[in-house]
Amino acid sequence: MINIIEFCCFVNNTGYAHAAIDYAKSLRSYGADVYINCAHGNMILDSFNKEDREWLNNYQVKGSDVKNIDFQFRQIIPPRWKNLSKRRKISALAVFESTRPPNDWINAYKSIDNVICPSEYCADVFWAAGLNVRPKVIPHAIDINYWKFKNN
């Protein structure tokens, strides 16, 4: 059983960072003990609302602050992994909007326990690039039934 999750991501003014924080908050809402490890040092919070800023300040961790981390999830690109602590179990999100990810990324993904892609396309790209195991596909969370589209 996984008790404590270290969620490594950017915390800045990008949509990628906001999506990562939403994933981490979702895990915590389902009962996971999640802590944020800001991949670039200090969090940049000016684009987050008050509730998210408070949440981030309550659940930020730096590397070894939490001693009993069971699982690490990396929602950052492999070149940003160099400052991360090695944990017992590591999974990462792999996204690349082209047909050939860099070889050093493939080698980095080969060194961890699980690779997750948000689409079959991304999984196919990383698998074809040389991963030892085909990535698991977990789509980005969006309920298309929520949006009301007008017919033109």
Protein backbone atom coordinates (compact mmCIF):
# COMPACT_ATOMS: atom_id res chain seq x y z
CA MET A 1 0.00 0.00 0.00
CA ILE A 2 1.24 3.47 -0.90
CA ASN A 3 1.14 5.85 2.05
CA ILE A 4 2.95 9.03 1.01
CA ILE A 5 3.29 10.40 -2.53
CA GLU A 6 5.85 12.97 -3.59
CA PHE A 7 4.40 14.75 -6.63
CA CYS A 8 7.24 16.44 -8.57
CA CYS A 9 6.13 19.19 -10.94
CA PHE A 10 6.53 22.80 -11.96
CA VAL A 11 4.64 25.33 -9.85
CA ASN A 12 4.53 28.42 -12.04
CA ASN A 13 2.29 30.39 -14.39
CA THR A 14 1.91 27.72 -17.09
CA GLY A 15 -1.11 25.60 -17.93
CA TYR A 16 1.15 22.54 -17.55
CA ALA A 17 1.83 23.49 -13.91
CA HIS A 18 -1.82 24.20 -13.17
CA ALA A 19 -2.81 20.82 -14.64
CA ALA A 20 -0.19 19.07 -12.48
CA ILE A 21 -1.49 20.73 -9.32
CA ASP A 22 -5.04 19.73 -10.24
CA TYR A 23 -3.88 16.10 -10.56
CA ALA A 24 -2.14 16.27 -7.18
CA LYS A 25 -5.22 17.80 -5.55
CA SER A 26 -7.37 15.05 -7.08
CA LEU A 27 -5.14 12.37 -5.59
CA ARG A 28 -5.40 14.02 -2.18
CA SER A 29 -9.20 14.31 -2.49
CA TYR A 30 -9.30 10.52 -2.97
CA GLY A 31 -7.37 9.98 0.25
CA ALA A 32 -3.74 9.88 -0.92
CA ASP A 33 -1.19 11.65 1.26
CA VAL A 34 0.31 13.89 -1.46
CA TYR A 35 3.08 16.45 -1.12
CA ILE A 36 4.32 18.81 -3.85
CA ASN A 37 8.01 18.96 -4.74
CA CYS A 38 8.50 22.11 -6.85
CA ALA A 39 10.93 21.13 -9.61
CA HIS A 40 12.39 24.60 -10.00
CA GLY A 41 12.91 25.56 -6.35
CA ASN A 42 10.63 28.38 -5.27
CA MET A 43 6.97 28.20 -6.21
CA ILE A 44 5.61 30.99 -8.44
CA LEU A 45 2.09 31.44 -7.13
CA ASP A 46 0.78 34.69 -8.65
CA SER A 47 -1.42 32.91 -11.23
CA PHE A 48 -3.04 30.60 -8.65
CA ASN A 49 -6.19 31.54 -6.79
CA LYS A 50 -6.16 32.04 -3.01
CA GLU A 51 -7.43 28.51 -2.29
CA ASP A 52 -4.73 26.90 -4.47
CA ARG A 53 -1.98 29.08 -2.95
CA GLU A 54 -3.02 28.00 0.54
CA TRP A 55 -3.17 24.35 -0.56
CA LEU A 56 0.29 24.56 -2.12
CA ASN A 57 1.82 26.23 0.92
CA ASN A 58 0.34 23.52 3.17
CA TYR A 59 1.58 20.60 1.06
CA GLN A 60 4.94 21.71 -0.33
CA VAL A 61 7.92 19.48 0.44
CA LYS A 62 11.56 19.83 -0.52
CA GLY A 63 13.37 16.62 -1.45
CA SER A 64 14.10 14.87 1.81
CA ASP A 65 11.74 16.85 4.10
CA VAL A 66 9.41 13.86 4.25
CA LYS A 67 11.38 10.77 5.23
CA ASN A 68 8.76 8.09 4.62
CA ILE A 69 7.88 8.77 1.00
CA ASP A 70 6.71 5.54 -0.64
CA PHE A 71 6.10 6.74 -4.17
CA GLN A 72 7.26 9.53 -6.42
CA PHE A 73 5.31 10.81 -9.41
CA ARG A 74 7.18 13.00 -11.89
CA GLN A 75 5.13 15.34 -14.05
CA ILE A 76 8.22 17.07 -15.41
CA ILE A 77 10.51 16.39 -18.36
CA PRO A 78 13.53 14.11 -17.74
CA PRO A 79 16.16 16.89 -18.02
CA ARG A 80 14.62 18.31 -14.80
CA TRP A 81 15.02 15.02 -12.89
CA LYS A 82 18.67 15.54 -11.90
CA ASN A 83 17.86 17.24 -8.57
CA LEU A 84 15.19 14.76 -7.49
CA SER A 85 15.74 12.22 -4.75
CA LYS A 86 15.46 8.55 -5.72
CA ARG A 87 12.44 6.90 -4.12
CA ARG A 88 11.34 3.27 -3.75
CA LYS A 89 8.78 3.50 -6.57
CA ILE A 90 8.83 6.07 -9.37
CA SER A 91 6.31 6.77 -12.12
CA ALA A 92 6.33 9.59 -14.62
CA LEU A 93 4.09 11.22 -17.18
CA ALA A 94 5.55 11.07 -20.69
CA VAL A 95 4.30 13.59 -23.21
CA PHE A 96 5.97 14.55 -26.47
CA GLU A 97 4.17 16.29 -29.31
CA SER A 98 6.34 14.82 -32.06
CA THR A 99 7.33 11.44 -33.43
CA ARG A 100 10.80 11.04 -31.86
CA PRO A 101 11.52 11.91 -28.22
CA PRO A 102 15.18 12.59 -27.36
CA ASN A 103 17.26 9.46 -26.62
CA ASP A 104 18.24 10.76 -23.17
CA TRP A 105 14.53 10.95 -22.31
CA ILE A 106 14.03 7.33 -23.36
CA ASN A 107 16.99 6.25 -21.21
CA ALA A 108 15.57 8.20 -18.25
CA TYR A 109 12.14 6.61 -18.63
CA LYS A 110 13.77 3.16 -18.82
CA SER A 111 15.24 3.75 -15.35
CA ILE A 112 11.90 4.10 -13.53
CA ASP A 113 9.08 1.75 -12.59
CA ASN A 114 6.16 3.05 -14.69
CA VAL A 115 5.63 5.37 -17.62
CA ILE A 116 2.20 6.89 -18.14
CA CYS A 117 1.03 8.62 -21.32
CA PRO A 118 -2.15 10.68 -21.78
CA SER A 119 -2.96 9.18 -25.20
CA GLU A 120 -2.46 6.11 -27.36
CA TYR A 121 -0.47 8.36 -29.73
CA CYS A 122 2.04 9.31 -27.01
CA ALA A 123 2.28 5.69 -25.83
CA ASP A 124 2.97 4.55 -29.41
CA VAL A 125 5.65 7.25 -29.86
CA PHE A 126 7.50 6.32 -26.65
CA TRP A 127 7.14 2.58 -27.28
CA ALA A 128 8.53 2.94 -30.83
CA ALA A 129 11.39 5.06 -29.47
CA GLY A 130 12.70 2.10 -27.47
CA LEU A 131 11.08 1.76 -24.04
CA ASN A 132 11.34 -1.73 -22.54
CA VAL A 133 7.63 -1.78 -21.62
CA ARG A 134 4.78 -0.07 -23.44
CA PRO A 135 3.53 2.91 -21.38
CA LYS A 136 0.19 2.75 -19.63
CA VAL A 137 -2.42 5.12 -21.07
CA ILE A 138 -4.36 7.30 -18.65
CA PRO A 139 -6.18 10.04 -20.55
CA HIS A 140 -6.19 13.62 -19.34
CA ALA A 141 -9.26 14.16 -17.23
CA ILE A 142 -11.94 16.03 -19.13
CA ASP A 143 -15.63 15.27 -19.29
CA ILE A 144 -16.72 16.24 -22.80
CA ASN A 145 -20.35 15.85 -21.71
CA TYR A 146 -19.87 18.85 -19.42
CA TRP A 147 -19.44 21.22 -22.37
CA LYS A 148 -22.48 22.22 -24.40
CA PHE A 149 -21.54 22.51 -28.07
CA LYS A 150 -23.68 24.33 -30.57
CA ASN A 151 -24.26 22.90 -34.01
CA ASN A 152 -23.25 25.33 -36.75
